[in-house]
């Protein structure tokens, strides 16, 4: 095995472990906070600068109506302001 191949293999293994642990923590946070993954995704998009309902819906791959309902839930829980 070439040194480059060993490095790539080690890096791939590290990324796999990192992603598995990160996702486990992320899912645990989602359950503890009572937020769905889509709601957390919307919060990330808002934080990055997406401001319109249609922008958030497009980014998440959902309809504007579904995005509006989801955002209204976040408003009711005082996580965002409209």
N, C-alpha and C. Protein backbone atom coordinates (compact mmCIF):
# COMPACT_ATOMS: atom_id res chain seq x y z
N UNK A 1 0.85 -1.18 0.00
CA UNK A 1 0.00 0.00 0.00
C UNK A 1 0.89 1.24 0.00
N UNK A 2 0.55 2.17 -0.88
CA UNK A 2 1.28 3.42 -0.98
C UNK A 2 1.00 4.30 0.25
N UNK A 3 1.97 5.15 0.63
CA UNK A 3 1.71 6.06 1.77
C UNK A 3 0.47 6.93 1.55
N UNK A 4 0.24 7.35 0.32
CA UNK A 4 -0.93 8.17 0.01
C UNK A 4 -2.21 7.36 0.25
N UNK A 5 -2.22 6.09 -0.16
CA UNK A 5 -3.38 5.24 0.05
C UNK A 5 -3.66 5.04 1.54
N UNK A 6 -2.61 4.86 2.33
CA UNK A 6 -2.77 4.70 3.77
C UNK A 6 -3.34 5.97 4.39
N UNK A 7 -2.87 7.11 3.94
CA UNK A 7 -3.38 8.38 4.45
C UNK A 7 -4.86 8.54 4.11
N UNK A 8 -5.22 8.27 2.87
CA UNK A 8 -6.61 8.41 2.43
C UNK A 8 -7.50 7.45 3.21
N UNK A 9 -7.05 6.24 3.40
CA UNK A 9 -7.83 5.25 4.16
C UNK A 9 -8.03 5.70 5.61
N UNK A 10 -6.97 6.20 6.22
CA UNK A 10 -7.06 6.69 7.60
C UNK A 10 -8.00 7.88 7.68
N UNK A 11 -7.89 8.78 6.73
CA UNK A 11 -8.76 9.96 6.71
C UNK A 11 -10.22 9.55 6.53
N UNK A 12 -10.50 8.60 5.65
CA UNK A 12 -11.86 8.13 5.44
C UNK A 12 -12.42 7.51 6.72
N UNK A 13 -11.61 6.73 7.42
CA UNK A 13 -12.05 6.11 8.67
C UNK A 13 -12.36 7.18 9.72
N UNK A 14 -11.51 8.19 9.80
CA UNK A 14 -11.71 9.27 10.76
C UNK A 14 -13.00 10.02 10.46
N UNK A 15 -13.23 10.33 9.21
CA UNK A 15 -14.45 11.06 8.81
C UNK A 15 -15.68 10.23 9.15
N UNK A 16 -15.63 8.94 8.91
CA UNK A 16 -16.76 8.07 9.21
C UNK A 16 -17.08 8.09 10.71
N UNK A 17 -16.08 7.97 11.55
CA UNK A 17 -16.28 8.00 13.00
C UNK A 17 -16.81 9.36 13.43
N UNK A 18 -16.21 10.42 12.91
CA UNK A 18 -16.64 11.77 13.25
C UNK A 18 -18.10 11.99 12.88
N UNK A 19 -18.49 11.61 11.68
CA UNK A 19 -19.86 11.82 11.22
C UNK A 19 -20.85 10.99 12.05
N UNK A 20 -20.50 9.77 12.35
CA UNK A 20 -21.39 8.91 13.15
C UNK A 20 -21.62 9.52 14.53
N UNK A 21 -20.54 9.96 15.18
CA UNK A 21 -20.67 10.57 16.51
C UNK A 21 -21.40 11.90 16.45
N UNK A 22 -21.13 12.69 15.43
CA UNK A 22 -21.80 13.99 15.29
C UNK A 22 -23.30 13.80 15.08
N UNK A 23 -23.66 12.88 14.22
CA UNK A 23 -25.08 12.65 13.94
C UNK A 23 -25.78 12.11 15.18
N UNK A 24 -25.12 11.25 15.92
CA UNK A 24 -25.72 10.71 17.15
C UNK A 24 -26.01 11.86 18.11
N UNK A 25 -25.06 12.76 18.28
CA UNK A 25 -25.25 13.91 19.17
C UNK A 25 -26.34 14.84 18.64
N UNK A 26 -26.36 15.03 17.34
CA UNK A 26 -27.35 15.90 16.71
C UNK A 26 -28.76 15.34 16.90
N UNK A 27 -28.92 14.05 16.71
CA UNK A 27 -30.23 13.40 16.88
C UNK A 27 -30.66 13.47 18.35
N UNK A 28 -29.73 13.26 19.26
CA UNK A 28 -30.04 13.36 20.69
C UNK A 28 -30.50 14.78 21.03
N UNK A 29 -29.80 15.79 20.52
CA UNK A 29 -30.20 17.18 20.75
C UNK A 29 -31.61 17.42 20.20
N UNK A 30 -31.89 16.90 19.03
CA UNK A 30 -33.20 17.08 18.41
C UNK A 30 -34.30 16.51 19.31
N UNK A 31 -34.08 15.31 19.83
CA UNK A 31 -35.08 14.68 20.70
C UNK A 31 -35.24 15.45 22.01
N UNK A 32 -34.12 15.87 22.60
CA UNK A 32 -34.18 16.58 23.88
C UNK A 32 -34.85 17.95 23.75
N UNK A 33 -34.63 18.61 22.61
CA UNK A 33 -35.18 19.95 22.43
C UNK A 33 -36.62 19.92 21.93
N UNK A 34 -37.08 18.77 21.45
CA UNK A 34 -38.43 18.67 20.92
C UNK A 34 -38.58 19.25 19.52
N UNK A 35 -37.45 19.49 18.86
CA UNK A 35 -37.49 20.03 17.50
C UNK A 35 -37.25 18.92 16.49
N UNK A 36 -37.94 19.03 15.36
CA UNK A 36 -37.70 18.08 14.28
C UNK A 36 -36.42 18.47 13.54
N UNK A 37 -35.91 17.55 12.77
CA UNK A 37 -34.72 17.85 11.97
C UNK A 37 -35.01 18.98 10.99
N UNK A 38 -36.21 19.03 10.43
CA UNK A 38 -36.57 20.10 9.51
C UNK A 38 -36.58 21.45 10.22
N UNK A 39 -37.10 21.47 11.44
CA UNK A 39 -37.11 22.72 12.20
C UNK A 39 -35.70 23.19 12.52
N UNK A 40 -34.83 22.26 12.88
CA UNK A 40 -33.44 22.61 13.13
C UNK A 40 -32.79 23.10 11.84
N UNK A 41 -33.11 22.44 10.73
CA UNK A 41 -32.60 22.88 9.43
C UNK A 41 -33.05 24.29 9.10
N UNK A 42 -34.31 24.59 9.41
CA UNK A 42 -34.82 25.95 9.16
C UNK A 42 -34.07 26.96 10.01
N UNK A 43 -33.80 26.62 11.25
CA UNK A 43 -33.04 27.54 12.11
C UNK A 43 -31.65 27.79 11.55
N UNK A 44 -31.01 26.75 11.02
CA UNK A 44 -29.70 26.92 10.39
C UNK A 44 -29.80 27.85 9.18
N UNK A 45 -30.82 27.66 8.36
CA UNK A 45 -30.99 28.50 7.16
C UNK A 45 -31.25 29.95 7.54
N UNK A 46 -32.05 30.15 8.57
CA UNK A 46 -32.31 31.51 9.03
C UNK A 46 -31.02 32.14 9.54
N UNK A 47 -30.26 31.37 10.29
CA UNK A 47 -28.98 31.87 10.81
C UNK A 47 -28.03 32.27 9.68
N UNK A 48 -28.05 31.48 8.59
CA UNK A 48 -27.17 31.76 7.46
C UNK A 48 -27.67 32.91 6.60
N UNK A 49 -28.90 33.37 6.83
CA UNK A 49 -29.37 34.52 6.09
C UNK A 49 -30.63 34.31 5.27
N UNK A 50 -31.13 33.10 5.16
CA UNK A 50 -32.39 32.89 4.45
C UNK A 50 -33.49 33.54 5.27
N UNK A 51 -34.29 34.38 4.62
CA UNK A 51 -35.26 35.12 5.40
C UNK A 51 -36.70 34.88 4.98
N UNK A 52 -36.93 34.55 3.74
CA UNK A 52 -38.30 34.36 3.27
C UNK A 52 -38.78 32.94 3.42
N UNK A 53 -40.09 32.79 3.58
CA UNK A 53 -40.68 31.46 3.71
C UNK A 53 -40.34 30.62 2.48
N UNK A 54 -40.47 31.20 1.29
CA UNK A 54 -40.18 30.42 0.08
C UNK A 54 -38.70 30.04 -0.01
N UNK A 55 -37.80 30.94 0.45
CA UNK A 55 -36.37 30.62 0.46
C UNK A 55 -36.10 29.41 1.35
N UNK A 56 -36.68 29.42 2.53
CA UNK A 56 -36.47 28.32 3.47
C UNK A 56 -37.09 27.04 2.92
N UNK A 57 -38.29 27.16 2.37
CA UNK A 57 -38.94 25.99 1.76
C UNK A 57 -38.11 25.41 0.63
N UNK A 58 -37.59 26.27 -0.23
CA UNK A 58 -36.74 25.80 -1.34
C UNK A 58 -35.49 25.13 -0.82
N UNK A 59 -34.86 25.74 0.18
CA UNK A 59 -33.63 25.17 0.74
C UNK A 59 -33.86 23.80 1.37
N UNK A 60 -35.03 23.61 2.00
CA UNK A 60 -35.33 22.36 2.67
C UNK A 60 -36.06 21.35 1.77
N UNK A 61 -36.45 21.81 0.58
CA UNK A 61 -37.16 20.92 -0.34
C UNK A 61 -38.60 20.65 0.06
N UNK A 62 -39.23 21.65 0.66
CA UNK A 62 -40.63 21.52 1.05
C UNK A 62 -41.42 22.68 0.45
N UNK A 63 -42.75 22.56 0.47
CA UNK A 63 -43.58 23.61 -0.10
C UNK A 63 -43.55 24.84 0.80
N UNK A 64 -43.93 25.97 0.23
CA UNK A 64 -43.99 27.20 1.02
C UNK A 64 -45.03 27.07 2.14
N UNK A 65 -46.13 26.36 1.87
CA UNK A 65 -47.15 26.16 2.90
C UNK A 65 -46.60 25.36 4.07
N UNK A 66 -45.86 24.29 3.77
CA UNK A 66 -45.26 23.48 4.84
C UNK A 66 -44.21 24.29 5.60
N UNK A 67 -43.43 25.08 4.87
CA UNK A 67 -42.42 25.92 5.52
C UNK A 67 -43.09 26.94 6.43
N UNK A 68 -44.19 27.52 5.98
CA UNK A 68 -44.91 28.52 6.76
C UNK A 68 -45.43 27.91 8.07
N UNK A 69 -46.00 26.71 7.98
CA UNK A 69 -46.49 26.03 9.19
C UNK A 69 -45.35 25.72 10.15
N UNK A 70 -44.24 25.27 9.61
CA UNK A 70 -43.09 24.94 10.44
C UNK A 70 -42.55 26.19 11.12
N UNK A 71 -42.45 27.28 10.38
CA UNK A 71 -41.96 28.54 10.95
C UNK A 71 -42.92 29.07 12.00
N UNK A 72 -44.22 28.89 11.78
CA UNK A 72 -45.20 29.33 12.78
C UNK A 72 -45.02 28.56 14.08
N UNK A 73 -44.68 27.29 14.00
CA UNK A 73 -44.38 26.49 15.19
C UNK A 73 -43.17 27.07 15.93
N UNK A 74 -42.15 27.46 15.18
CA UNK A 74 -40.95 28.05 15.79
C UNK A 74 -41.26 29.40 16.43
N UNK A 75 -42.17 30.16 15.80
CA UNK A 75 -42.60 31.44 16.37
C UNK A 75 -43.34 31.20 17.69
N UNK A 76 -44.26 30.24 17.70
CA UNK A 76 -45.02 29.93 18.91
C UNK A 76 -44.10 29.52 20.06
N UNK A 77 -43.01 28.86 19.74
CA UNK A 77 -42.05 28.44 20.76
C UNK A 77 -40.98 29.51 21.04
N UNK A 78 -41.19 30.69 20.47
CA UNK A 78 -40.34 31.86 20.69
C UNK A 78 -38.89 31.63 20.31
N UNK A 79 -38.69 30.85 19.24
CA UNK A 79 -37.34 30.60 18.73
C UNK A 79 -36.98 31.56 17.62
N UNK A 80 -38.01 32.11 16.94
CA UNK A 80 -37.78 33.10 15.88
C UNK A 80 -38.88 34.14 15.96
N UNK A 81 -38.65 35.24 15.27
CA UNK A 81 -39.67 36.29 15.12
C UNK A 81 -40.01 36.40 13.65
N UNK A 82 -41.26 36.67 13.35
CA UNK A 82 -41.65 36.88 11.95
C UNK A 82 -41.46 38.33 11.60
